[in-house]
Amino acid sequence: MSTETPSSGTEPPADQTAELLDRIETLESELAELQSEVDDASNKMVIIATKGTLDMAYPPLILASTAAAFGYEVTVFHTFWGLELLHEEHSKNLKLSSVGNPNMPVPNLIAALPGMDRMTTRMMRGKIADNDVASIEELIEVSLESGVDLQACQMTIDLLGYDEADFYDGVTTGVGAASAFQEMQDADIQLLI
């Protein structure tokens, strides 16, 4: 009993075989290039930060620095009150609003009393310190060191009468909504905070 496959006599001509082998080699090379591009492509995240209270300063900065640590290219576009996070002086004095916050352990009637925002802000700052949570300033520093592009909306800068010198070193100024929109369009993840 023979183990050889009998020839059917229909083998392709040598020139067709060579052509097929060349085509396979070309396709394998193209596939390797595409795989390399996919492997090299960075994931991109864009966050729009619109709030300037102490409790709302943390989410965009924590998410941005964490995503950067995982290799994401991250942009945070700060507009309206979110611009306060990048203002070097104002970011150190962010307040917590107790009125209308359903998770505050203070009823709205009491939260509306004079001085309650100061008290709840002091309580929150105490919890932040007691739990060794990074300050806003530290999170901005970590974000910038991680390559996060912290952008300040130019229209809001003009509206609030700020100057570029008011912001932390490394903050990108002069950015408009059109640029933010283009960044979002190209991003894998878009968040509005």
Protein backbone atom coordinates (compact mmCIF):
# COMPACT_ATOMS: atom_id res chain seq x y z
CA MET A 1 0.00 0.00 0.00
CA SER A 2 1.51 3.34 -1.06
CA THR A 3 1.28 6.54 1.00
CA GLU A 4 1.93 8.79 -1.97
CA THR A 5 -0.95 10.86 -3.24
CA PRO A 6 -1.60 10.01 -6.84
CA SER A 7 -1.09 12.90 -9.19
CA SER A 8 -4.25 14.05 -10.86
CA GLY A 9 -2.29 15.66 -13.60
CA THR A 10 -3.93 19.02 -12.92
CA GLU A 11 -1.16 20.82 -11.01
CA PRO A 12 -0.99 24.52 -11.84
CA PRO A 13 1.82 25.62 -14.07
CA ALA A 14 5.01 26.75 -12.32
CA ASP A 15 4.43 30.43 -13.22
CA GLN A 16 1.00 30.39 -11.53
CA THR A 17 2.45 28.75 -8.43
CA ALA A 18 5.18 31.39 -8.22
CA GLU A 19 2.56 34.12 -8.69
CA LEU A 20 0.39 32.69 -5.88
CA LEU A 21 3.39 32.41 -3.55
CA ASP A 22 4.34 36.04 -4.28
CA ARG A 23 0.76 37.12 -3.61
CA ILE A 24 0.70 35.20 -0.30
CA GLU A 25 4.00 36.79 0.73
CA THR A 26 2.64 40.28 -0.11
CA LEU A 27 -0.56 39.68 1.85
CA GLU A 28 1.37 38.35 4.86
CA SER A 29 3.59 41.46 4.77
CA GLU A 30 0.56 43.78 4.57
CA LEU A 31 -1.09 41.90 7.44
CA ALA A 32 2.04 42.29 9.56
CA GLU A 33 2.11 46.05 8.86
CA LEU A 34 -1.57 46.42 9.80
CA GLN A 35 -1.03 44.42 12.99
CA SER A 36 1.92 46.66 13.84
CA GLU A 37 -0.24 49.77 13.32
CA VAL A 38 -2.96 48.33 15.56
CA ASP A 39 -0.39 47.44 18.23
CA ASP A 40 1.20 50.92 18.02
CA ALA A 41 -2.10 52.82 17.96
CA SER A 42 -2.81 54.57 21.21
CA ASN A 43 -6.24 54.67 22.71
CA LYS A 44 -7.57 58.17 23.12
CA MET A 45 -9.81 59.66 25.81
CA VAL A 46 -11.32 63.14 25.90
CA ILE A 47 -13.00 64.56 28.98
CA ILE A 48 -14.98 67.81 29.01
CA ALA A 49 -14.79 69.33 32.51
CA THR A 50 -17.58 71.86 33.14
CA LYS A 51 -17.87 72.02 36.92
CA GLY A 52 -15.70 73.96 39.37
CA THR A 53 -16.70 72.66 42.79
CA LEU A 54 -14.40 70.66 45.05
CA ASP A 55 -16.36 67.42 44.63
CA MET A 56 -16.51 67.77 40.84
CA ALA A 57 -12.79 68.58 40.48
CA TYR A 58 -11.75 65.04 41.33
CA PRO A 59 -13.53 62.90 38.66
CA PRO A 60 -11.93 64.41 35.53
CA LEU A 61 -8.44 64.55 37.07
CA ILE A 62 -8.54 61.04 38.54
CA LEU A 63 -9.93 59.53 35.34
CA ALA A 64 -7.41 61.43 33.19
CA SER A 65 -4.34 60.47 35.23
CA THR A 66 -5.52 56.85 35.51
CA ALA A 67 -6.16 56.56 31.77
CA ALA A 68 -2.74 58.07 31.05
CA ALA A 69 -1.17 55.47 33.36
CA PHE A 70 -2.84 52.78 31.21
CA GLY A 71 -1.29 54.25 28.06
CA TYR A 72 -4.19 56.36 26.84
CA GLU A 73 -3.62 59.66 25.10
CA VAL A 74 -5.79 61.95 27.26
CA THR A 75 -7.17 65.45 26.73
CA VAL A 76 -9.25 67.30 29.31
CA PHE A 77 -11.00 70.38 27.93
CA HIS A 78 -11.99 72.74 30.76
CA THR A 79 -14.80 75.14 30.03
CA PHE A 80 -16.98 77.49 32.07
CA TRP A 81 -16.65 76.68 35.79
CA GLY A 82 -14.41 73.72 34.98
CA LEU A 83 -11.75 76.30 34.16
CA GLU A 84 -11.42 76.97 37.90
CA LEU A 85 -9.58 73.64 38.23
CA LEU A 86 -6.72 74.97 36.11
CA HIS A 87 -6.59 78.42 37.71
CA GLU A 88 -3.59 78.12 40.02
CA GLU A 89 -4.99 80.35 42.77
CA HIS A 90 -8.68 79.42 42.54
CA SER A 91 -8.10 75.65 42.42
CA LYS A 92 -6.69 75.76 45.95
CA ASN A 93 -9.93 77.29 47.29
CA LEU A 94 -12.65 75.26 45.58
CA LYS A 95 -15.86 74.97 47.60
CA LEU A 96 -18.42 72.25 48.05
CA SER A 97 -22.06 73.18 47.49
CA SER A 98 -24.35 71.64 50.07
CA VAL A 99 -27.64 72.89 48.60
CA GLY A 100 -29.22 70.55 46.10
CA ASN A 101 -26.70 67.79 46.68
CA PRO A 102 -28.83 64.73 47.53
CA ASN A 103 -25.87 62.82 48.95
CA MET A 104 -24.96 65.45 51.51
CA PRO A 105 -25.86 64.42 55.05
CA VAL A 106 -27.47 67.83 55.51
CA PRO A 107 -31.11 68.63 54.61
CA ASN A 108 -31.49 71.42 52.02
CA LEU A 109 -33.24 73.65 54.54
CA ILE A 110 -30.17 73.55 56.78
CA ALA A 111 -27.73 73.54 53.84
CA ALA A 112 -29.15 76.88 52.72
CA LEU A 113 -28.15 78.57 55.98
CA PRO A 114 -25.27 81.06 55.78
CA GLY A 115 -21.89 79.44 56.32
CA MET A 116 -23.00 75.86 55.55
CA ASP A 117 -20.99 75.66 52.31
CA ARG A 118 -17.88 76.66 54.26
CA MET A 119 -18.62 74.03 56.89
CA THR A 120 -19.28 71.21 54.39
CA THR A 121 -16.18 72.23 52.42
CA ARG A 122 -14.10 72.09 55.59
CA MET A 123 -15.58 68.66 56.41
CA MET A 124 -14.74 67.36 52.92
CA ARG A 125 -11.20 68.77 53.04
CA GLY A 126 -10.78 67.01 56.41
CA LYS A 127 -11.91 63.70 54.89
CA ILE A 128 -9.55 64.20 51.96
CA ALA A 129 -6.63 64.83 54.31
CA ASP A 130 -7.57 61.99 56.70
CA ASN A 131 -7.68 59.50 53.84
CA ASP A 132 -4.45 60.68 52.16
CA VAL A 133 -6.31 61.61 48.98
CA ALA A 134 -4.26 63.75 46.60
CA SER A 135 -5.02 67.45 46.44
CA ILE A 136 -6.28 69.06 43.24
CA GLU A 137 -2.85 70.63 42.80
CA GLU A 138 -1.17 67.21 43.12
CA LEU A 139 -3.60 65.62 40.65
CA ILE A 140 -2.93 68.39 38.12
CA GLU A 141 0.82 67.86 38.56
CA VAL A 142 0.48 64.07 38.12
CA SER A 143 -1.77 64.54 35.08
CA LEU A 144 0.67 66.92 33.39
CA GLU A 145 3.65 64.66 34.20
CA SER A 146 1.71 61.73 32.71
CA GLY A 147 1.26 63.59 29.44
CA VAL A 148 -2.38 64.57 29.91
CA ASP A 149 -3.22 67.62 27.80
CA LEU A 150 -5.10 69.95 30.18
CA GLN A 151 -6.77 72.51 27.94
CA ALA A 152 -8.33 75.84 28.93
CA CYS A 153 -11.26 77.08 26.81
CA GLN A 154 -10.25 80.41 25.31
CA MET A 155 -13.80 81.76 25.22
CA THR A 156 -14.16 81.08 28.95
CA ILE A 157 -10.77 82.67 29.66
CA ASP A 158 -12.00 85.81 27.90
CA LEU A 159 -15.44 85.66 29.53
CA LEU A 160 -14.03 85.41 33.06
CA GLY A 161 -11.26 87.95 32.39
CA TYR A 162 -8.42 85.53 33.13
CA ASP A 163 -4.89 85.71 31.81
CA GLU A 164 -2.74 82.81 30.59
CA ALA A 165 -0.39 83.45 33.53
CA ASP A 166 -3.25 82.54 35.92
CA PHE A 167 -3.00 78.86 35.01
CA TYR A 168 -0.63 76.09 36.05
CA ASP A 169 2.51 75.73 33.95
CA GLY A 170 1.88 73.16 31.23
CA VAL A 171 -1.81 73.99 30.71
CA THR A 172 -2.70 74.48 27.05
CA THR A 173 -4.49 77.80 26.50
CA GLY A 174 -6.10 79.29 23.43
CA VAL A 175 -8.18 76.21 22.68
CA GLY A 176 -11.65 76.64 21.24
CA ALA A 177 -14.74 74.46 21.07
CA ALA A 178 -13.96 73.42 17.48
CA SER A 179 -10.64 71.93 18.59
CA ALA A 180 -12.35 70.15 21.48
CA PHE A 181 -14.96 68.78 19.11
CA GLN A 182 -12.25 67.46 16.75
CA GLU A 183 -10.48 65.83 19.70
CA MET A 184 -13.75 64.15 20.75
CA GLN A 185 -14.43 62.94 17.22
CA ASP A 186 -11.05 61.19 17.12
CA ALA A 187 -11.32 59.72 20.63
CA ASP A 188 -12.24 56.19 21.65
CA ILE A 189 -13.80 57.46 24.91
CA GLN A 190 -15.59 60.80 25.42
CA LEU A 191 -16.84 61.94 28.81
CA LEU A 192 -18.73 65.05 29.92
CA ILE A 193 -18.22 65.82 33.59
